[in-house]
Amino acid sequence: MCHFPRLLDCREDADLSQTDVGNILGIDQRIYSNYETGKRKIPVNLLIKLAELYGTSTDYLLGLTNEKRPYPRKK
């Protein structure tokens, strides 16, 4: 498994705790912690919610791009 340092960076930039993010996602803080460290895979639906929460793209969170801005939405 890989860890997701950008999750930590985005969370800290948003001045949120792991507990805060867990509450927003409806999961326990320990589960969220395991996502940040890569001990658990992030379900796609939660990855999308995290990208929306942090105002970025899933690709950015996954390290596939360095562009922090989200892609334009299709109409």
C-alpha atoms as a PDB file:
ATOM      1  CA  MET A   1       0.000   0.000   0.000  1.00  0.00           C
ATOM      2  CA  CYS A   2       1.117   3.554  -0.539  1.00  0.00           C
ATOM      3  CA  HIS A   3       0.523   6.439   1.762  1.00  0.00           C
ATOM      4  CA  PHE A   4      -1.034   9.713   0.765  1.00  0.00           C
ATOM      5  CA  PRO A   5       1.035  12.623   2.067  1.00  0.00           C
ATOM      6  CA  ARG A   6      -1.169  15.035   0.150  1.00  0.00           C
ATOM      7  CA  LEU A   7      -4.116  14.039   2.327  1.00  0.00           C
ATOM      8  CA  LEU A   8      -2.145  15.172   5.352  1.00  0.00           C
ATOM      9  CA  ASP A   9      -1.019  18.374   3.638  1.00  0.00           C
ATOM     10  CA  CYS A  10      -4.540  19.262   2.490  1.00  0.00           C
ATOM     11  CA  ARG A  11      -6.020  18.478   5.894  1.00  0.00           C
ATOM     12  CA  GLU A  12      -3.456  20.644   7.663  1.00  0.00           C
ATOM     13  CA  ASP A  13      -3.919  23.450   5.106  1.00  0.00           C
ATOM     14  CA  ALA A  14      -7.654  23.333   5.888  1.00  0.00           C
ATOM     15  CA  ASP A  15      -6.834  23.459   9.626  1.00  0.00           C
ATOM     16  CA  LEU A  16      -8.763  20.241  10.278  1.00  0.00           C
ATOM     17  CA  SER A  17      -7.993  17.362  12.596  1.00  0.00           C
ATOM     18  CA  GLN A  18      -8.332  13.721  11.603  1.00  0.00           C
ATOM     19  CA  THR A  19     -11.385  13.611  13.855  1.00  0.00           C
ATOM     20  CA  ASP A  20     -12.903  16.571  11.985  1.00  0.00           C
ATOM     21  CA  VAL A  21     -12.409  14.871   8.625  1.00  0.00           C
ATOM     22  CA  GLY A  22     -13.691  11.574   9.975  1.00  0.00           C
ATOM     23  CA  ASN A  23     -16.854  13.323  11.160  1.00  0.00           C
ATOM     24  CA  ILE A  24     -17.318  15.005   7.778  1.00  0.00           C
ATOM     25  CA  LEU A  25     -16.929  11.653   6.008  1.00  0.00           C
ATOM     26  CA  GLY A  26     -18.995   9.750   8.572  1.00  0.00           C
ATOM     27  CA  ILE A  27     -16.132   7.458   9.566  1.00  0.00           C
ATOM     28  CA  ASP A  28     -14.003   6.926  12.664  1.00  0.00           C
ATOM     29  CA  GLN A  29     -10.802   8.949  13.071  1.00  0.00           C
ATOM     30  CA  ARG A  30      -8.733   5.729  13.149  1.00  0.00           C
ATOM     31  CA  ILE A  31     -10.043   4.696   9.745  1.00  0.00           C
ATOM     32  CA  TYR A  32      -9.187   8.098   8.305  1.00  0.00           C
ATOM     33  CA  SER A  33      -5.714   7.880   9.860  1.00  0.00           C
ATOM     34  CA  ASN A  34      -5.223   4.553   8.093  1.00  0.00           C
ATOM     35  CA  TYR A  35      -6.072   6.242   4.778  1.00  0.00           C
ATOM     36  CA  GLU A  36      -3.439   8.940   5.342  1.00  0.00           C
ATOM     37  CA  THR A  37      -0.773   6.371   6.210  1.00  0.00           C
ATOM     38  CA  GLY A  38      -1.757   3.923   3.484  1.00  0.00           C
ATOM     39  CA  LYS A  39      -2.730   1.120   5.846  1.00  0.00           C
ATOM     40  CA  ARG A  40      -6.160   1.022   4.196  1.00  0.00           C
ATOM     41  CA  LYS A  41      -7.272   1.704   0.655  1.00  0.00           C
ATOM     42  CA  ILE A  42      -9.512   4.731   0.244  1.00  0.00           C
ATOM     43  CA  PRO A  43     -12.895   3.868  -1.273  1.00  0.00           C
ATOM     44  CA  VAL A  44     -13.553   5.861  -4.439  1.00  0.00           C
ATOM     45  CA  ASN A  45     -16.646   7.556  -2.992  1.00  0.00           C
ATOM     46  CA  LEU A  46     -14.611   8.872  -0.045  1.00  0.00           C
ATOM     47  CA  LEU A  47     -11.740   9.926  -2.296  1.00  0.00           C
ATOM     48  CA  ILE A  48     -14.205  12.031  -4.288  1.00  0.00           C
ATOM     49  CA  LYS A  49     -15.595  13.567  -1.083  1.00  0.00           C
ATOM     50  CA  LEU A  50     -12.066  14.395   0.074  1.00  0.00           C
ATOM     51  CA  ALA A  51     -11.246  16.075  -3.245  1.00  0.00           C
ATOM     52  CA  GLU A  52     -14.432  18.136  -2.958  1.00  0.00           C
ATOM     53  CA  LEU A  53     -13.693  18.991   0.685  1.00  0.00           C
ATOM     54  CA  TYR A  54     -10.190  20.197  -0.154  1.00  0.00           C
ATOM     55  CA  GLY A  55     -11.164  21.873  -3.443  1.00  0.00           C
ATOM     56  CA  THR A  56      -8.829  19.757  -5.544  1.00  0.00           C
ATOM     57  CA  SER A  57      -8.910  16.738  -7.837  1.00  0.00           C
ATOM     58  CA  THR A  58      -8.647  13.068  -7.028  1.00  0.00           C
ATOM     59  CA  ASP A  59      -5.604  12.966  -9.318  1.00  0.00           C
ATOM     60  CA  TYR A  60      -3.881  15.552  -7.122  1.00  0.00           C
ATOM     61  CA  LEU A  61      -4.647  13.580  -3.953  1.00  0.00           C
ATOM     62  CA  LEU A  62      -3.325  10.420  -5.608  1.00  0.00           C
ATOM     63  CA  GLY A  63      -0.125  12.151  -6.735  1.00  0.00           C
ATOM     64  CA  LEU A  64      -0.910  11.816 -10.454  1.00  0.00           C
ATOM     65  CA  THR A  65      -0.649  15.570 -11.055  1.00  0.00           C
ATOM     66  CA  ASN A  66       0.919  18.530  -9.323  1.00  0.00           C
ATOM     67  CA  GLU A  67      -1.956  20.792 -10.400  1.00  0.00           C
ATOM     68  CA  LYS A  68      -3.883  21.521  -7.222  1.00  0.00           C
ATOM     69  CA  ARG A  69      -6.877  23.183  -8.887  1.00  0.00           C
ATOM     70  CA  PRO A  70      -9.725  20.812  -9.722  1.00  0.00           C
ATOM     71  CA  TYR A  71     -10.576  20.077 -13.315  1.00  0.00           C
ATOM     72  CA  PRO A  72     -13.486  21.986 -14.847  1.00  0.00           C
ATOM     73  CA  ARG A  73     -16.739  20.056 -14.470  1.00  0.00           C
ATOM     74  CA  LYS A  74     -18.501  18.772 -17.538  1.00  0.00           C
ATOM     75  CA  LYS A  75     -21.848  20.390 -18.290  1.00  0.00           C
END
